[in-house]
Amino acid sequence: MSNYLSYGEKELSYLKKRDKKLGLAIDKIGMIRREARPDHFEALVMSIVSQQISRKAADSIWDRLNNKFSIMSASVIVNADLNDLHKCGISLRKAGYFKGLAEAVMSGDVDFGEFDSMSDDEIIKKLSSLRGIGVWTAEMFLIFSMCRMDVVSWGDLAIRRGMMDLYGLKELTKEQFKKYRKRYSPYGSIASLYIWALSG
């Protein structure tokens, strides 16, 4: 189950007015279609799969997991055997992270139904308290599963590299990053799409 991060001329016009250099990049690149994963559990499992491996390897493991487990849900994973998960190509450590996430969902410690009423920071705090899910993974979840519109990740190396390229900087301080992030608000997630494209 997937769809696309939704944005249009309103968001792009705002960003172009707020930042001329970003505006030039937007005009050059055009619309960017990025897939979103509205199933929150599935999105987090995919994020854990993708950590520290190539996109191609992650896609291959994801295919094997889906072949093995017809439904990717907390109730299925909580009862899965660690070795069965491991046989799909993931490390036993990551398999443990899957199980921990599934247990947190099944116990109600993580309630996705509450997330819509929570702030970005509250969701990041909740998710990053789980083993295997750091701040960066939680931020990517906010963008690509919850479709939150104002996320720019300091912890994302490609974002920092893209900003340095965009603004002609040899280094990027946290203060400079905060200044740019504030400039993009409330459409930081859309700005992130273009900054990623510049870093590539």
Foldseek 3Di string as FASTA:
>chain_A
DKDWQDDDDVLLVLLCVLDVLLNVLCVVPDDDTDIFAQPLLVLLLLLLLPPPDDPVNSVQLVVLVCVVPVDRALVVLLPDDLVSSVVSPDDSQSSVLSNQVSVCPVVVVDPPVCVVVDDLVVQLVSQCVGPSAHSVSSLVSCCRHVVQFQGDDPPDPLLQQLVCVSVVHPGDDPVNVVVVSVSSPPRNSSSSVSSSVSSD
